[in-house]
Protein backbone atom coordinates (compact mmCIF):
# COMPACT_ATOMS: atom_id res chain seq x y z
CA UNK A 1 -0.03 0.21 0.03
CA UNK A 2 1.41 3.83 -0.88
CA UNK A 3 1.19 5.96 2.38
CA UNK A 4 1.51 9.93 1.45
CA UNK A 5 0.86 12.72 4.24
CA UNK A 6 -1.23 15.60 5.17
CA UNK A 7 0.45 18.95 6.24
CA UNK A 8 -0.72 18.44 9.27
CA UNK A 9 0.22 15.25 9.91
CA UNK A 10 3.94 16.44 9.34
CA UNK A 11 3.38 19.29 11.17
CA UNK A 12 2.51 17.14 14.39
CA UNK A 13 4.71 14.36 13.48
CA UNK A 14 7.98 17.44 13.43
CA UNK A 15 7.00 17.94 17.31
CA UNK A 16 7.55 14.65 18.50
CA UNK A 17 10.10 13.09 20.83
CA UNK A 18 12.90 11.60 18.93
CA UNK A 19 12.43 8.34 20.18
CA UNK A 20 8.68 8.49 19.50
CA UNK A 21 9.30 9.67 15.66
CA UNK A 22 11.07 6.31 15.54
CA UNK A 23 8.24 4.31 16.89
CA UNK A 24 5.71 6.29 14.20
CA UNK A 25 8.13 5.40 11.43
CA UNK A 26 8.41 1.85 12.14
CA UNK A 27 4.48 1.71 12.00
CA UNK A 28 4.02 3.00 9.41
CA UNK A 29 6.59 0.84 7.67
CA UNK A 30 4.28 -1.87 9.25
CA UNK A 31 0.80 -0.26 8.10
CA UNK A 32 2.39 -0.21 4.35
CA UNK A 33 1.64 -3.85 4.43
CA UNK A 34 -1.58 -4.45 4.81
CA UNK A 35 -1.33 -8.40 6.46
CA UNK A 36 -0.02 -6.24 9.40
CA UNK A 37 -3.22 -3.67 9.99
CA UNK A 38 -5.07 -6.30 12.56
CA UNK A 39 -1.96 -5.84 14.81
CA UNK A 40 -2.10 -2.18 14.36
CA UNK A 41 -5.37 -2.29 15.49
CA UNK A 42 -7.10 -0.72 12.33
CA UNK A 43 -10.39 0.54 13.09
CA UNK A 44 -13.04 2.71 11.11
CA UNK A 45 -13.80 5.96 13.34
CA UNK A 46 -17.53 6.94 14.19
CA UNK A 47 -19.17 10.60 14.29
CA UNK A 48 -17.57 13.65 12.75
CA UNK A 49 -14.68 11.42 11.91
CA UNK A 50 -16.62 8.18 10.31
CA UNK A 51 -15.24 8.45 7.08
CA UNK A 52 -11.62 8.26 8.70
CA UNK A 53 -9.88 5.37 10.44
CA UNK A 54 -7.44 5.25 13.31
CA UNK A 55 -4.50 2.72 13.95
CA UNK A 56 -2.04 2.51 17.26
CA UNK A 57 1.33 3.84 17.33
CA UNK A 58 1.72 2.50 20.98
CA UNK A 59 -1.16 2.76 24.01
CA UNK A 60 -1.58 6.34 24.04
CA UNK A 61 -0.43 7.79 20.52
CA UNK A 62 -2.52 7.39 18.04
CA UNK A 63 -2.74 8.46 14.08
CA UNK A 64 -6.09 9.10 11.83
CA UNK A 65 -5.86 8.24 8.17
CA UNK A 66 -8.49 7.77 4.96
CA UNK A 67 -8.11 5.35 2.54
CA UNK A 68 -8.13 7.39 -1.09
CA UNK A 69 -11.07 6.82 -2.96
CA UNK A 70 -9.73 7.12 -6.52
CA UNK A 71 -6.45 5.14 -5.06
CA UNK A 72 -8.14 1.94 -3.17
CA UNK A 73 -4.54 1.06 -2.21
CA UNK A 74 -3.63 4.39 -0.95
CA UNK A 75 -4.15 6.08 2.58
CA UNK A 76 -3.38 9.31 3.82
CA UNK A 77 -2.33 9.79 7.19
CA UNK A 78 -3.93 13.05 8.42
CA UNK A 79 -3.03 13.41 12.20
CA UNK A 80 -0.81 12.24 14.94
CA UNK A 81 -1.26 12.66 18.92
CA UNK A 82 -3.04 11.04 21.64
CA UNK A 83 -6.74 10.28 22.27
CA UNK A 84 -7.67 14.19 21.42
CA UNK A 85 -6.59 13.60 18.11
CA UNK A 86 -10.08 11.94 17.69
CA UNK A 87 -11.47 15.32 18.63
CA UNK A 88 -10.09 17.68 16.20
């Protein structure tokens, strides 16, 4: 799967501590292989984010993304953060 990054994701990523950045890189690399989605706990979101999905980086940090409708094998990472990321 091809993964791209929204500008908002890049801004939030730049503010993360170095160790967490490394963990995010590893998880995004795993995410690119669809067979790892269950291990990353990929799940469809509800409410105002109902068109988007989330995945777990670790116990605290989540990534919000959506699958491109025009390219089904591409995902765009939209935001990263703690559970508050679901409220944005």
